[in-house]
Amino acid sequence: MAEPLYIFLFAGIVSMSVALSAGALNKLALEKRPAFMQKPNGQITVIMAGNFGALTLLGAMAFGFLKLHWWIPLSCMFITFPIVHLLIFQRLLGDFKTLILMLPLTLLAAVSLYYYW
């Protein structure tokens, strides 16, 4: 049971972090956005990264419900993943650095979900 739990937790945390960071960056005022988001392609990139994070999160949740007890993914979705993002990643790195750091990890998480499914 330990291996599916680790895969689920890793995939869920990094994908939730990407989705929340992309959402927070999109909600910033135009003058407060990072320089690369001033261009239309930068904003589209952030939106696509957030969508990719959300899709990977859905895959992690499906994997968790399939391989683990039902209450583990449910409680992680609404309690653990947002708390880890808000209290650790957002405070230490900020939204932009969290997005840049977690995006490759989300890609790795999607591949590992596919491989271990």
N, C-alpha and C. Protein backbone atom coordinates (compact mmCIF):
# COMPACT_ATOMS: atom_id res chain seq x y z
N MET A 1 0.81 -1.20 0.00
CA MET A 1 0.00 0.00 0.00
C MET A 1 0.85 1.26 0.00
N ALA A 2 2.09 1.15 0.38
CA ALA A 2 2.92 2.35 0.51
C ALA A 2 3.26 2.97 -0.84
N GLU A 3 3.54 2.16 -1.86
CA GLU A 3 3.94 2.73 -3.14
C GLU A 3 2.83 3.55 -3.80
N PRO A 4 1.58 3.06 -3.89
CA PRO A 4 0.52 3.91 -4.45
C PRO A 4 0.27 5.17 -3.63
N LEU A 5 0.47 5.10 -2.33
CA LEU A 5 0.28 6.27 -1.49
C LEU A 5 1.31 7.34 -1.80
N TYR A 6 2.57 6.93 -1.95
CA TYR A 6 3.62 7.89 -2.27
C TYR A 6 3.42 8.51 -3.64
N ILE A 7 3.04 7.70 -4.62
CA ILE A 7 2.79 8.22 -5.96
C ILE A 7 1.62 9.19 -5.93
N PHE A 8 0.56 8.83 -5.24
CA PHE A 8 -0.61 9.71 -5.13
C PHE A 8 -0.26 11.03 -4.45
N LEU A 9 0.45 10.96 -3.34
CA LEU A 9 0.80 12.18 -2.61
C LEU A 9 1.71 13.09 -3.43
N PHE A 10 2.70 12.52 -4.08
CA PHE A 10 3.60 13.33 -4.92
C PHE A 10 2.84 13.98 -6.07
N ALA A 11 2.07 13.17 -6.79
CA ALA A 11 1.34 13.70 -7.94
C ALA A 11 0.31 14.74 -7.51
N GLY A 12 -0.36 14.50 -6.42
CA GLY A 12 -1.38 15.43 -5.97
C GLY A 12 -0.82 16.75 -5.49
N ILE A 13 0.27 16.70 -4.74
CA ILE A 13 0.83 17.94 -4.19
C ILE A 13 1.39 18.82 -5.30
N VAL A 14 2.17 18.24 -6.21
CA VAL A 14 2.77 19.08 -7.24
C VAL A 14 1.73 19.60 -8.23
N SER A 15 0.73 18.78 -8.56
CA SER A 15 -0.27 19.24 -9.52
C SER A 15 -1.21 20.27 -8.90
N MET A 16 -1.56 20.10 -7.64
CA MET A 16 -2.38 21.12 -6.96
C MET A 16 -1.61 22.42 -6.86
N SER A 17 -0.31 22.32 -6.61
CA SER A 17 0.50 23.51 -6.48
C SER A 17 0.60 24.28 -7.81
N VAL A 18 0.73 23.56 -8.91
CA VAL A 18 0.77 24.21 -10.22
C VAL A 18 -0.56 24.89 -10.51
N ALA A 19 -1.65 24.18 -10.26
CA ALA A 19 -2.97 24.74 -10.56
C ALA A 19 -3.26 25.98 -9.71
N LEU A 20 -2.94 25.93 -8.43
CA LEU A 20 -3.20 27.08 -7.56
C LEU A 20 -2.28 28.26 -7.88
N SER A 21 -1.03 27.98 -8.22
CA SER A 21 -0.10 29.06 -8.57
C SER A 21 -0.52 29.75 -9.86
N ALA A 22 -0.92 28.96 -10.84
CA ALA A 22 -1.36 29.55 -12.11
C ALA A 22 -2.62 30.38 -11.90
N GLY A 23 -3.53 29.91 -11.07
CA GLY A 23 -4.73 30.68 -10.78
C GLY A 23 -4.42 31.98 -10.07
N ALA A 24 -3.48 31.93 -9.13
CA ALA A 24 -3.11 33.14 -8.40
C ALA A 24 -2.41 34.15 -9.32
N LEU A 25 -1.57 33.67 -10.23
CA LEU A 25 -0.90 34.58 -11.16
C LEU A 25 -1.90 35.22 -12.12
N ASN A 26 -2.90 34.48 -12.54
CA ASN A 26 -3.91 35.04 -13.45
C ASN A 26 -4.80 36.07 -12.77
N LYS A 27 -4.93 35.98 -11.46
CA LYS A 27 -5.79 36.91 -10.73
C LYS A 27 -5.08 38.22 -10.36
N LEU A 28 -3.77 38.28 -10.58
CA LEU A 28 -3.04 39.51 -10.27
C LEU A 28 -3.47 40.63 -11.20
N ALA A 29 -3.35 41.85 -10.71
CA ALA A 29 -3.61 43.01 -11.56
C ALA A 29 -2.56 43.06 -12.67
N LEU A 30 -2.90 43.69 -13.76
CA LEU A 30 -2.01 43.70 -14.93
C LEU A 30 -0.64 44.29 -14.62
N GLU A 31 -0.59 45.30 -13.79
CA GLU A 31 0.70 45.93 -13.50
C GLU A 31 1.54 45.12 -12.50
N LYS A 32 0.92 44.20 -11.78
CA LYS A 32 1.64 43.39 -10.79
C LYS A 32 2.08 42.03 -11.34
N ARG A 33 1.69 41.71 -12.54
CA ARG A 33 2.07 40.42 -13.13
C ARG A 33 3.55 40.42 -13.49
N PRO A 34 4.17 39.23 -13.51
CA PRO A 34 5.58 39.14 -13.95
C PRO A 34 5.73 39.63 -15.38
N ALA A 35 6.95 39.95 -15.76
CA ALA A 35 7.21 40.55 -17.06
C ALA A 35 6.80 39.66 -18.22
N PHE A 36 7.02 38.36 -18.09
CA PHE A 36 6.69 37.48 -19.21
C PHE A 36 5.18 37.34 -19.41
N MET A 37 4.39 37.66 -18.40
CA MET A 37 2.94 37.57 -18.53
C MET A 37 2.34 38.82 -19.18
N GLN A 38 3.13 39.83 -19.41
CA GLN A 38 2.64 41.03 -20.08
C GLN A 38 2.35 40.75 -21.56
N LYS A 39 3.00 39.73 -22.09
CA LYS A 39 2.78 39.33 -23.48
C LYS A 39 1.65 38.30 -23.51
N PRO A 40 0.89 38.26 -24.59
CA PRO A 40 -0.22 37.29 -24.66
C PRO A 40 0.24 35.83 -24.58
N ASN A 41 1.40 35.53 -25.17
CA ASN A 41 1.87 34.14 -25.11
C ASN A 41 2.25 33.72 -23.70
N GLY A 42 2.74 34.63 -22.90
CA GLY A 42 3.07 34.32 -21.51
C GLY A 42 1.83 34.01 -20.69
N GLN A 43 0.79 34.77 -20.91
CA GLN A 43 -0.45 34.53 -20.19
C GLN A 43 -1.08 33.20 -20.62
N ILE A 44 -1.01 32.88 -21.90
CA ILE A 44 -1.54 31.61 -22.39
C ILE A 44 -0.73 30.45 -21.82
N THR A 45 0.57 30.62 -21.69
CA THR A 45 1.42 29.58 -21.11
C THR A 45 1.03 29.29 -19.67
N VAL A 46 0.77 30.33 -18.90
CA VAL A 46 0.37 30.15 -17.51
C VAL A 46 -1.00 29.45 -17.43
N ILE A 47 -1.91 29.83 -18.30
CA ILE A 47 -3.23 29.19 -18.31
C ILE A 47 -3.10 27.72 -18.67
N MET A 48 -2.29 27.42 -19.68
CA MET A 48 -2.11 26.02 -20.07
C MET A 48 -1.41 25.20 -18.98
N ALA A 49 -0.47 25.82 -18.27
CA ALA A 49 0.19 25.13 -17.16
C ALA A 49 -0.82 24.82 -16.06
N GLY A 50 -1.70 25.77 -15.77
CA GLY A 50 -2.73 25.53 -14.76
C GLY A 50 -3.70 24.44 -15.19
N ASN A 51 -4.05 24.42 -16.46
CA ASN A 51 -4.93 23.36 -16.96
C ASN A 51 -4.26 21.99 -16.90
N PHE A 52 -2.97 21.95 -17.23
CA PHE A 52 -2.23 20.70 -17.14
C PHE A 52 -2.15 20.22 -15.69
N GLY A 53 -1.94 21.16 -14.76
CA GLY A 53 -1.93 20.80 -13.35
C GLY A 53 -3.27 20.27 -12.87
N ALA A 54 -4.34 20.89 -13.34
CA ALA A 54 -5.68 20.43 -12.94
C ALA A 54 -5.99 19.05 -13.51
N LEU A 55 -5.60 18.80 -14.75
CA LEU A 55 -5.82 17.47 -15.34
C LEU A 55 -4.99 16.40 -14.64
N THR A 56 -3.76 16.74 -14.29
CA THR A 56 -2.94 15.78 -13.56
C THR A 56 -3.50 15.54 -12.16
N LEU A 57 -4.07 16.58 -11.56
CA LEU A 57 -4.71 16.40 -10.26
C LEU A 57 -5.92 15.47 -10.36
N LEU A 58 -6.69 15.60 -11.42
CA LEU A 58 -7.81 14.68 -11.64
C LEU A 58 -7.31 13.25 -11.82
N GLY A 59 -6.22 13.08 -12.54
CA GLY A 59 -5.64 11.75 -12.69
C GLY A 59 -5.13 11.20 -11.37
N ALA A 60 -4.52 12.05 -10.56
CA ALA A 60 -4.04 11.61 -9.25
C ALA A 60 -5.21 11.22 -8.35
N MET A 61 -6.29 11.96 -8.43
CA MET A 61 -7.47 11.62 -7.62
C MET A 61 -8.07 10.30 -8.07
N ALA A 62 -8.16 10.08 -9.37
CA ALA A 62 -8.68 8.81 -9.88
C ALA A 62 -7.77 7.66 -9.46
N PHE A 63 -6.46 7.86 -9.54
CA PHE A 63 -5.50 6.86 -9.09
C PHE A 63 -5.66 6.58 -7.61
N GLY A 64 -5.84 7.63 -6.83
CA GLY A 64 -6.00 7.47 -5.39
C GLY A 64 -7.28 6.73 -5.03
N PHE A 65 -8.39 7.07 -5.69
CA PHE A 65 -9.64 6.36 -5.40
C PHE A 65 -9.58 4.91 -5.85
N LEU A 66 -8.80 4.63 -6.88
CA LEU A 66 -8.70 3.27 -7.39
C LEU A 66 -7.81 2.40 -6.51
N LYS A 67 -6.70 2.95 -6.04
CA LYS A 67 -5.70 2.15 -5.34
C LYS A 67 -5.74 2.27 -3.81
N LEU A 68 -6.36 3.32 -3.28
CA LEU A 68 -6.35 3.56 -1.84
C LEU A 68 -7.77 3.56 -1.29
N HIS A 69 -7.90 3.68 0.01
CA HIS A 69 -9.22 3.82 0.61
C HIS A 69 -9.81 5.16 0.19
N TRP A 70 -11.09 5.26 0.11
CA TRP A 70 -11.76 6.45 -0.45
C TRP A 70 -11.50 7.71 0.36
N TRP A 71 -11.30 7.60 1.66
CA TRP A 71 -11.16 8.80 2.49
C TRP A 71 -9.78 9.43 2.36
N ILE A 72 -8.78 8.70 1.92
CA ILE A 72 -7.44 9.26 1.80
C ILE A 72 -7.40 10.31 0.68
N PRO A 73 -7.82 9.99 -0.56
CA PRO A 73 -7.80 11.03 -1.59
C PRO A 73 -8.76 12.18 -1.31
N LEU A 74 -9.90 11.86 -0.72
CA LEU A 74 -10.88 12.91 -0.45
C LEU A 74 -10.34 13.92 0.57
N SER A 75 -9.75 13.43 1.63
CA SER A 75 -9.22 14.36 2.64
C SER A 75 -7.99 15.10 2.13
N CYS A 76 -7.18 14.44 1.31
CA CYS A 76 -6.01 15.12 0.75
C CYS A 76 -6.41 16.22 -0.21
N MET A 77 -7.46 15.99 -0.97
CA MET A 77 -7.90 16.98 -1.97
C MET A 77 -8.34 18.28 -1.31
N PHE A 78 -9.05 18.19 -0.21
CA PHE A 78 -9.62 19.38 0.40
C PHE A 78 -8.85 19.91 1.60
N ILE A 79 -7.96 19.11 2.17
CA ILE A 79 -7.25 19.56 3.37
C ILE A 79 -5.73 19.59 3.14
N THR A 80 -5.13 18.45 2.86
CA THR A 80 -3.68 18.34 2.85
C THR A 80 -3.02 19.10 1.71
N PHE A 81 -3.46 18.88 0.48
CA PHE A 81 -2.80 19.51 -0.67
C PHE A 81 -2.88 21.04 -0.63
N PRO A 82 -4.06 21.64 -0.37
CA PRO A 82 -4.07 23.11 -0.30
C PRO A 82 -3.25 23.67 0.86
N ILE A 83 -3.26 22.98 2.00
CA ILE A 83 -2.50 23.47 3.15
C ILE A 83 -1.00 23.42 2.87
N VAL A 84 -0.53 22.32 2.27
CA VAL A 84 0.89 22.22 1.94
C VAL A 84 1.28 23.32 0.96
N HIS A 85 0.44 23.57 -0.03
CA HIS A 85 0.76 24.63 -1.00
C HIS A 85 0.79 26.00 -0.34
N LEU A 86 -0.24 26.32 0.43
CA LEU A 86 -0.34 27.65 1.02
C LEU A 86 0.70 27.90 2.10
N LEU A 87 0.94 26.92 2.96
CA LEU A 87 1.84 27.15 4.08
C LEU A 87 3.30 26.93 3.75
N ILE A 88 3.60 26.12 2.76
CA ILE A 88 5.01 25.84 2.47
C ILE A 88 5.44 26.49 1.16
N PHE A 89 4.86 26.05 0.05
CA PHE A 89 5.36 26.48 -1.25
C PHE A 89 5.09 27.95 -1.52
N GLN A 90 3.90 28.42 -1.26
CA GLN A 90 3.57 29.81 -1.58
C GLN A 90 4.34 30.78 -0.67
N ARG A 91 4.49 30.43 0.59
CA ARG A 91 5.21 31.33 1.50
C ARG A 91 6.71 31.33 1.24
N LEU A 92 7.27 30.16 0.93
CA LEU A 92 8.72 30.09 0.72
C LEU A 92 9.14 30.60 -0.66
N LEU A 93 8.40 30.23 -1.68
CA LEU A 93 8.83 30.52 -3.05
C LEU A 93 8.04 31.61 -3.74
N GLY A 94 6.79 31.78 -3.40
CA GLY A 94 5.93 32.70 -4.13
C GLY A 94 5.27 31.95 -5.28
N ASP A 95 4.31 32.59 -5.92
CA ASP A 95 3.54 31.91 -6.95
C ASP A 95 4.34 31.64 -8.22
N PHE A 96 5.13 32.60 -8.65
CA PHE A 96 5.86 32.43 -9.91
C PHE A 96 6.92 31.33 -9.80
N LYS A 97 7.73 31.36 -8.75
CA LYS A 97 8.76 30.35 -8.58
C LYS A 97 8.16 28.97 -8.33
N THR A 98 7.04 28.93 -7.63
CA THR A 98 6.37 27.65 -7.41
C THR A 98 5.89 27.07 -8.73
N LEU A 99 5.33 27.90 -9.58
CA LEU A 99 4.86 27.43 -10.89
C LEU A 99 6.03 26.89 -11.71
N ILE A 100 7.13 27.62 -11.74
CA ILE A 100 8.29 27.21 -12.53
C ILE A 100 8.90 25.92 -11.97
N LEU A 101 8.97 25.79 -10.66
CA LEU A 101 9.57 24.61 -10.04
C LEU A 101 8.66 23.38 -10.15
N MET A 102 7.38 23.56 -9.97
CA MET A 102 6.46 22.42 -9.92
C MET A 102 6.00 21.93 -11.29
N LEU A 103 6.14 22.73 -12.32
CA LEU A 103 5.68 22.31 -13.65
C LEU A 103 6.43 21.08 -14.17
N PRO A 104 7.76 21.03 -14.12
CA PRO A 104 8.43 19.79 -14.55
C PRO A 104 8.10 18.61 -13.63
N LEU A 105 7.92 18.89 -12.34
CA LEU A 105 7.55 17.81 -11.43
C LEU A 105 6.15 17.28 -11.73
N THR A 106 5.26 18.15 -12.20
CA THR A 106 3.93 17.72 -12.59
C THR A 106 3.99 16.84 -13.83
N LEU A 107 4.86 17.16 -14.74
CA LEU A 107 5.06 16.31 -15.91
C LEU A 107 5.58 14.94 -15.49
N LEU A 108 6.53 14.91 -14.56
CA LEU A 108 7.03 13.65 -14.02
C LEU A 108 5.93 12.89 -13.29
N ALA A 109 5.08 13.59 -12.58
CA ALA A 109 3.98 12.95 -11.87
C ALA A 109 2.98 12.34 -12.84
N ALA A 110 2.69 13.03 -13.94
CA ALA A 110 1.76 12.49 -14.94
C ALA A 110 2.33 11.22 -15.56
N VAL A 111 3.62 11.22 -15.84
CA VAL A 111 4.25 10.02 -16.40
C VAL A 111 4.22 8.88 -15.40
N SER A 112 4.51 9.17 -14.13
CA SER A 112 4.50 8.11 -13.12
C SER A 112 3.09 7.58 -12.87
N LEU A 113 2.08 8.43 -12.94
CA LEU A 113 0.70 7.96 -12.82
C LEU A 113 0.35 7.01 -13.96
N TYR A 114 0.76 7.36 -15.15
CA TYR A 114 0.49 6.50 -16.32
C TYR A 114 1.24 5.18 -16.18
N TYR A 115 2.49 5.24 -15.74
CA TYR A 115 3.32 4.03 -15.64
C TYR A 115 2.81 3.08 -14.57
N TYR A 116 2.43 3.60 -13.40
CA TYR A 116 2.05 2.73 -12.29
C TYR A 116 0.56 2.42 -12.24
N TRP A 117 -0.21 2.94 -13.19
CA TRP A 117 -1.64 2.67 -13.20
C TRP A 117 -1.81 1.22 -13.53
